Amino acid sequence: MDGPLTKRLVSDSLWAAVLPLLPAHRTRWQGGGLRPVDDRAVFTAIVYIVTSGSAWHTLPAAFGVSKATAHRRFAAWTASGLWDRDVPPELSAQDRDWAVAIWTSATERASDPRHTH
């Protein structure tokens, strides 16, 4: 998904600050497989879910990310400590406020077993 909603949920400056915080994709030891889904698309889908309070199974197809991929990447990023890190300080005030809302919502979602599936 690339359009106004994507840019509203994850601005270019927010994405530029978040990208270095994401863990690298693991190389499959057996090789092959599908190329990983675009991190920005997945991050945007996760932002939608955690800030809207929606269930994973209600993720709109318009995001171009499967519900399973979004949830799996959320779990991996949570395990990597992404939401435990400080919000990047170089963000504008508006992006910083939004990032704090995202981080807070993601942390709450990750710690509540009712919302992990």
N, C-alpha and C. Protein backbone atom coordinates (compact mmCIF):
# COMPACT_ATOMS: atom_id res chain seq x y z
N MET A 1 0.85 -1.17 0.00
CA MET A 1 0.00 0.00 0.00
C MET A 1 0.89 1.23 0.00
N ASP A 2 0.67 2.06 -0.96
CA ASP A 2 1.45 3.29 -1.01
C ASP A 2 0.49 4.40 -1.41
N GLY A 3 0.18 5.25 -0.50
CA GLY A 3 -0.75 6.32 -0.79
C GLY A 3 -0.90 7.22 0.41
N PRO A 4 -1.97 8.03 0.41
CA PRO A 4 -2.16 9.01 1.48
C PRO A 4 -2.24 8.39 2.87
N LEU A 5 -2.92 7.24 2.99
CA LEU A 5 -3.03 6.62 4.31
C LEU A 5 -1.66 6.16 4.79
N THR A 6 -0.88 5.58 3.89
CA THR A 6 0.47 5.14 4.26
C THR A 6 1.30 6.32 4.76
N LYS A 7 1.29 7.41 4.03
CA LYS A 7 2.08 8.58 4.41
C LYS A 7 1.55 9.21 5.70
N ARG A 8 0.25 9.11 5.93
CA ARG A 8 -0.31 9.66 7.16
C ARG A 8 0.07 8.80 8.36
N LEU A 9 0.04 7.48 8.18
CA LEU A 9 0.38 6.59 9.28
C LEU A 9 1.88 6.57 9.55
N VAL A 10 2.67 6.57 8.48
CA VAL A 10 4.13 6.50 8.62
C VAL A 10 4.74 7.49 7.63
N SER A 11 5.04 8.67 8.12
CA SER A 11 5.65 9.70 7.26
C SER A 11 7.04 9.25 6.83
N ASP A 12 7.56 9.89 5.80
CA ASP A 12 8.90 9.57 5.33
C ASP A 12 9.95 9.81 6.43
N SER A 13 9.79 10.86 7.19
CA SER A 13 10.77 11.15 8.25
C SER A 13 10.67 10.14 9.40
N LEU A 14 9.46 9.73 9.74
CA LEU A 14 9.30 8.69 10.76
C LEU A 14 9.91 7.39 10.27
N TRP A 15 9.63 7.03 9.02
CA TRP A 15 10.18 5.79 8.47
C TRP A 15 11.71 5.83 8.46
N ALA A 16 12.29 6.95 8.08
CA ALA A 16 13.75 7.08 8.05
C ALA A 16 14.34 6.88 9.44
N ALA A 17 13.63 7.29 10.47
CA ALA A 17 14.12 7.14 11.84
C ALA A 17 13.92 5.72 12.36
N VAL A 18 12.86 5.05 11.92
CA VAL A 18 12.54 3.70 12.39
C VAL A 18 13.38 2.63 11.69
N LEU A 19 13.64 2.80 10.42
CA LEU A 19 14.32 1.78 9.62
C LEU A 19 15.60 1.25 10.28
N PRO A 20 16.49 2.10 10.77
CA PRO A 20 17.72 1.57 11.38
C PRO A 20 17.48 0.79 12.68
N LEU A 21 16.30 0.94 13.28
CA LEU A 21 15.98 0.24 14.52
C LEU A 21 15.50 -1.18 14.30
N LEU A 22 15.09 -1.49 13.07
CA LEU A 22 14.54 -2.81 12.78
C LEU A 22 15.64 -3.85 12.67
N PRO A 23 15.38 -5.04 13.21
CA PRO A 23 16.39 -6.09 13.09
C PRO A 23 16.50 -6.55 11.63
N ALA A 24 17.69 -6.99 11.26
CA ALA A 24 17.91 -7.49 9.90
C ALA A 24 17.15 -8.79 9.69
N HIS A 25 16.76 -9.05 8.47
CA HIS A 25 16.11 -10.32 8.15
C HIS A 25 17.15 -11.43 8.25
N ARG A 26 16.73 -12.53 8.80
CA ARG A 26 17.64 -13.67 8.91
C ARG A 26 17.73 -14.38 7.56
N THR A 27 18.92 -14.79 7.21
CA THR A 27 19.12 -15.55 5.99
C THR A 27 18.68 -16.99 6.25
N ARG A 28 17.92 -17.53 5.33
CA ARG A 28 17.47 -18.91 5.48
C ARG A 28 18.66 -19.83 5.22
N TRP A 29 18.93 -20.72 6.14
CA TRP A 29 20.10 -21.59 6.01
C TRP A 29 19.99 -22.51 4.80
N GLN A 30 18.78 -22.85 4.41
CA GLN A 30 18.61 -23.74 3.26
C GLN A 30 18.49 -22.97 1.95
N GLY A 31 18.51 -21.64 2.04
CA GLY A 31 18.39 -20.83 0.84
C GLY A 31 16.97 -20.83 0.31
N GLY A 32 16.77 -20.15 -0.78
CA GLY A 32 15.45 -20.13 -1.42
C GLY A 32 14.42 -19.41 -0.59
N GLY A 33 13.18 -19.75 -0.84
CA GLY A 33 12.08 -19.12 -0.12
C GLY A 33 11.67 -17.83 -0.79
N LEU A 34 10.67 -17.23 -0.22
CA LEU A 34 10.17 -15.97 -0.73
C LEU A 34 10.98 -14.80 -0.19
N ARG A 35 11.06 -13.77 -0.98
CA ARG A 35 11.70 -12.54 -0.53
C ARG A 35 10.84 -11.94 0.59
N PRO A 36 11.45 -11.41 1.64
CA PRO A 36 10.66 -10.83 2.73
C PRO A 36 9.76 -9.69 2.22
N VAL A 37 8.60 -9.58 2.83
CA VAL A 37 7.68 -8.49 2.51
C VAL A 37 8.33 -7.18 2.95
N ASP A 38 8.11 -6.14 2.19
CA ASP A 38 8.68 -4.82 2.45
C ASP A 38 8.44 -4.38 3.90
N ASP A 39 9.52 -4.01 4.59
CA ASP A 39 9.42 -3.61 5.99
C ASP A 39 8.49 -2.42 6.22
N ARG A 40 8.52 -1.45 5.31
CA ARG A 40 7.67 -0.28 5.51
C ARG A 40 6.20 -0.65 5.41
N ALA A 41 5.86 -1.52 4.48
CA ALA A 41 4.47 -1.97 4.36
C ALA A 41 4.03 -2.69 5.62
N VAL A 42 4.91 -3.54 6.14
CA VAL A 42 4.58 -4.29 7.36
C VAL A 42 4.48 -3.33 8.55
N PHE A 43 5.43 -2.41 8.66
CA PHE A 43 5.40 -1.46 9.77
C PHE A 43 4.11 -0.64 9.72
N THR A 44 3.72 -0.21 8.54
CA THR A 44 2.50 0.58 8.39
C THR A 44 1.28 -0.23 8.80
N ALA A 45 1.23 -1.50 8.41
CA ALA A 45 0.12 -2.37 8.80
C ALA A 45 0.09 -2.54 10.32
N ILE A 46 1.25 -2.72 10.92
CA ILE A 46 1.33 -2.86 12.37
C ILE A 46 0.87 -1.58 13.06
N VAL A 47 1.30 -0.44 12.55
CA VAL A 47 0.86 0.85 13.11
C VAL A 47 -0.67 0.94 13.06
N TYR A 48 -1.25 0.54 11.94
CA TYR A 48 -2.70 0.57 11.81
C TYR A 48 -3.35 -0.30 12.90
N ILE A 49 -2.87 -1.52 13.05
CA ILE A 49 -3.46 -2.45 14.02
C ILE A 49 -3.30 -1.94 15.45
N VAL A 50 -2.09 -1.56 15.83
CA VAL A 50 -1.87 -1.19 17.23
C VAL A 50 -2.50 0.14 17.62
N THR A 51 -2.61 1.06 16.67
CA THR A 51 -3.21 2.35 17.02
C THR A 51 -4.72 2.38 16.87
N SER A 52 -5.26 1.45 16.09
CA SER A 52 -6.72 1.41 15.92
C SER A 52 -7.38 0.49 16.94
N GLY A 53 -6.59 -0.40 17.54
CA GLY A 53 -7.15 -1.36 18.48
C GLY A 53 -7.82 -2.53 17.77
N SER A 54 -7.62 -2.62 16.47
CA SER A 54 -8.23 -3.71 15.69
C SER A 54 -7.54 -5.03 15.97
N ALA A 55 -8.25 -6.10 15.68
CA ALA A 55 -7.68 -7.44 15.78
C ALA A 55 -6.85 -7.72 14.53
N TRP A 56 -5.87 -8.60 14.67
CA TRP A 56 -5.00 -8.92 13.53
C TRP A 56 -5.79 -9.43 12.34
N HIS A 57 -6.83 -10.22 12.60
CA HIS A 57 -7.58 -10.81 11.48
C HIS A 57 -8.42 -9.79 10.71
N THR A 58 -8.49 -8.57 11.21
CA THR A 58 -9.27 -7.53 10.51
C THR A 58 -8.39 -6.61 9.66
N LEU A 59 -7.10 -6.93 9.55
CA LEU A 59 -6.20 -6.09 8.75
C LEU A 59 -6.70 -6.02 7.31
N PRO A 60 -6.97 -4.82 6.81
CA PRO A 60 -7.47 -4.70 5.44
C PRO A 60 -6.43 -5.17 4.41
N ALA A 61 -6.90 -5.84 3.40
CA ALA A 61 -6.02 -6.35 2.34
C ALA A 61 -5.31 -5.20 1.62
N ALA A 62 -5.86 -4.00 1.68
CA ALA A 62 -5.27 -2.84 1.00
C ALA A 62 -3.85 -2.54 1.46
N PHE A 63 -3.46 -3.04 2.63
CA PHE A 63 -2.10 -2.80 3.11
C PHE A 63 -1.08 -3.65 2.34
N GLY A 64 -1.56 -4.68 1.64
CA GLY A 64 -0.66 -5.52 0.86
C GLY A 64 0.21 -6.43 1.71
N VAL A 65 -0.22 -6.66 2.92
CA VAL A 65 0.52 -7.51 3.87
C VAL A 65 -0.47 -8.51 4.44
N SER A 66 -0.09 -9.76 4.48
CA SER A 66 -1.01 -10.75 5.06
C SER A 66 -1.10 -10.55 6.56
N LYS A 67 -2.19 -10.98 7.11
CA LYS A 67 -2.39 -10.87 8.55
C LYS A 67 -1.31 -11.65 9.29
N ALA A 68 -0.98 -12.84 8.77
CA ALA A 68 0.04 -13.68 9.40
C ALA A 68 1.41 -13.01 9.35
N THR A 69 1.76 -12.42 8.23
CA THR A 69 3.06 -11.74 8.11
C THR A 69 3.13 -10.56 9.07
N ALA A 70 2.08 -9.76 9.13
CA ALA A 70 2.07 -8.61 10.03
C ALA A 70 2.24 -9.06 11.48
N HIS A 71 1.50 -10.08 11.87
CA HIS A 71 1.58 -10.56 13.24
C HIS A 71 2.94 -11.18 13.53
N ARG A 72 3.44 -11.97 12.60
CA ARG A 72 4.74 -12.61 12.78
C ARG A 72 5.86 -11.56 12.93
N ARG A 73 5.84 -10.54 12.08
CA ARG A 73 6.86 -9.50 12.14
C ARG A 73 6.70 -8.68 13.42
N PHE A 74 5.45 -8.41 13.84
CA PHE A 74 5.23 -7.71 15.11
C PHE A 74 5.85 -8.51 16.26
N ALA A 75 5.63 -9.82 16.27
CA ALA A 75 6.19 -10.66 17.32
C ALA A 75 7.72 -10.65 17.28
N ALA A 76 8.29 -10.72 16.09
CA ALA A 76 9.75 -10.70 15.95
C ALA A 76 10.33 -9.37 16.39
N TRP A 77 9.69 -8.28 15.98
CA TRP A 77 10.19 -6.96 16.36
C TRP A 77 10.01 -6.72 17.85
N THR A 78 8.95 -7.27 18.42
CA THR A 78 8.75 -7.17 19.87
C THR A 78 9.85 -7.93 20.58
N ALA A 79 10.13 -9.15 20.13
CA ALA A 79 11.19 -9.96 20.73
C ALA A 79 12.56 -9.29 20.60
N SER A 80 12.76 -8.52 19.54
CA SER A 80 14.04 -7.83 19.35
C SER A 80 14.18 -6.60 20.23
N GLY A 81 13.09 -6.22 20.90
CA GLY A 81 13.13 -5.07 21.80
C GLY A 81 12.83 -3.74 21.13
N LEU A 82 12.27 -3.78 19.92
CA LEU A 82 11.99 -2.53 19.20
C LEU A 82 11.19 -1.55 20.04
N TRP A 83 10.13 -2.02 20.66
CA TRP A 83 9.23 -1.12 21.39
C TRP A 83 9.82 -0.69 22.73
N ASP A 84 10.93 -1.34 23.17
CA ASP A 84 11.59 -0.96 24.41
C ASP A 84 12.58 0.18 24.20
N ARG A 85 12.90 0.45 22.95
CA ARG A 85 13.86 1.51 22.64
C ARG A 85 13.19 2.88 22.76
N ASP A 86 14.01 3.88 22.94
CA ASP A 86 13.49 5.24 22.96
C ASP A 86 13.03 5.64 21.57
N VAL A 87 12.02 6.47 21.52
CA VAL A 87 11.57 7.02 20.25
C VAL A 87 12.73 7.85 19.70
N PRO A 88 13.03 7.72 18.43
CA PRO A 88 14.16 8.46 17.85
C PRO A 88 14.04 9.96 18.13
N PRO A 89 15.09 10.57 18.68
CA PRO A 89 15.02 11.97 19.09
C PRO A 89 15.04 12.97 17.93
N GLU A 90 15.45 12.54 16.74
CA GLU A 90 15.58 13.48 15.63
C GLU A 90 14.24 13.80 14.95
N LEU A 91 13.17 13.23 15.42
CA LEU A 91 11.87 13.45 14.80
C LEU A 91 11.32 14.84 15.10
N SER A 92 10.49 15.33 14.19
CA SER A 92 9.79 16.59 14.44
C SER A 92 8.83 16.36 15.62
N ALA A 93 8.34 17.43 16.20
CA ALA A 93 7.42 17.31 17.34
C ALA A 93 6.20 16.48 16.97
N GLN A 94 5.64 16.72 15.78
CA GLN A 94 4.45 15.98 15.36
C GLN A 94 4.76 14.49 15.19
N ASP A 95 5.85 14.17 14.48
CA ASP A 95 6.23 12.77 14.30
C ASP A 95 6.60 12.12 15.63
N ARG A 96 7.23 12.89 16.50
CA ARG A 96 7.61 12.35 17.80
C ARG A 96 6.38 11.99 18.62
N ASP A 97 5.39 12.87 18.65
CA ASP A 97 4.15 12.57 19.38
C ASP A 97 3.48 11.31 18.82
N TRP A 98 3.44 11.20 17.50
CA TRP A 98 2.82 10.05 16.85
C TRP A 98 3.64 8.79 17.16
N ALA A 99 4.96 8.89 17.12
CA ALA A 99 5.81 7.74 17.41
C ALA A 99 5.61 7.28 18.86
N VAL A 100 5.47 8.21 19.78
CA VAL A 100 5.21 7.84 21.18
C VAL A 100 3.89 7.08 21.27
N ALA A 101 2.87 7.54 20.55
CA ALA A 101 1.58 6.84 20.53
C ALA A 101 1.73 5.43 19.96
N ILE A 102 2.51 5.29 18.90
CA ILE A 102 2.75 3.97 18.29
C ILE A 102 3.47 3.07 19.27
N TRP A 103 4.57 3.56 19.84
CA TRP A 103 5.37 2.76 20.78
C TRP A 103 4.52 2.33 21.97
N THR A 104 3.73 3.26 22.52
CA THR A 104 2.89 2.95 23.67
C THR A 104 1.85 1.89 23.31
N SER A 105 1.19 2.07 22.19
CA SER A 105 0.17 1.11 21.76
C SER A 105 0.78 -0.26 21.48
N ALA A 106 1.95 -0.28 20.84
CA ALA A 106 2.61 -1.55 20.53
C ALA A 106 3.04 -2.26 21.81
N THR A 107 3.55 -1.50 22.76
CA THR A 107 3.97 -2.10 24.04
C THR A 107 2.78 -2.69 24.76
N GLU A 108 1.67 -1.97 24.77
CA GLU A 108 0.46 -2.48 25.42
C GLU A 108 -0.03 -3.74 24.72
N ARG A 109 -0.03 -3.71 23.38
CA ARG A 109 -0.48 -4.87 22.60
C ARG A 109 0.42 -6.08 22.87
N ALA A 110 1.72 -5.84 22.92
CA ALA A 110 2.67 -6.93 23.12
C ALA A 110 2.56 -7.55 24.51
N SER A 111 2.19 -6.74 25.49
CA SER A 111 2.14 -7.25 26.87
C SER A 111 0.77 -7.82 27.25
N ASP A 112 -0.22 -7.68 26.40
CA ASP A 112 -1.57 -8.18 26.70
C ASP A 112 -1.82 -9.46 25.92
N PRO A 113 -1.83 -10.62 26.60
CA PRO A 113 -2.00 -11.88 25.88
C PRO A 113 -3.32 -12.00 25.11
N ARG A 114 -4.31 -11.21 25.46
CA ARG A 114 -5.58 -11.25 24.71
C ARG A 114 -5.42 -10.70 23.31
N HIS A 115 -4.40 -9.89 23.07
CA HIS A 115 -4.24 -9.22 21.78
C HIS A 115 -3.06 -9.70 20.96
N THR A 116 -2.48 -10.82 21.35
CA THR A 116 -1.32 -11.30 20.61
C THR A 116 -1.71 -12.13 19.40
N HIS A 117 -2.94 -12.51 19.29
CA HIS A 117 -3.38 -13.33 18.14
C HIS A 117 -4.40 -12.61 17.32
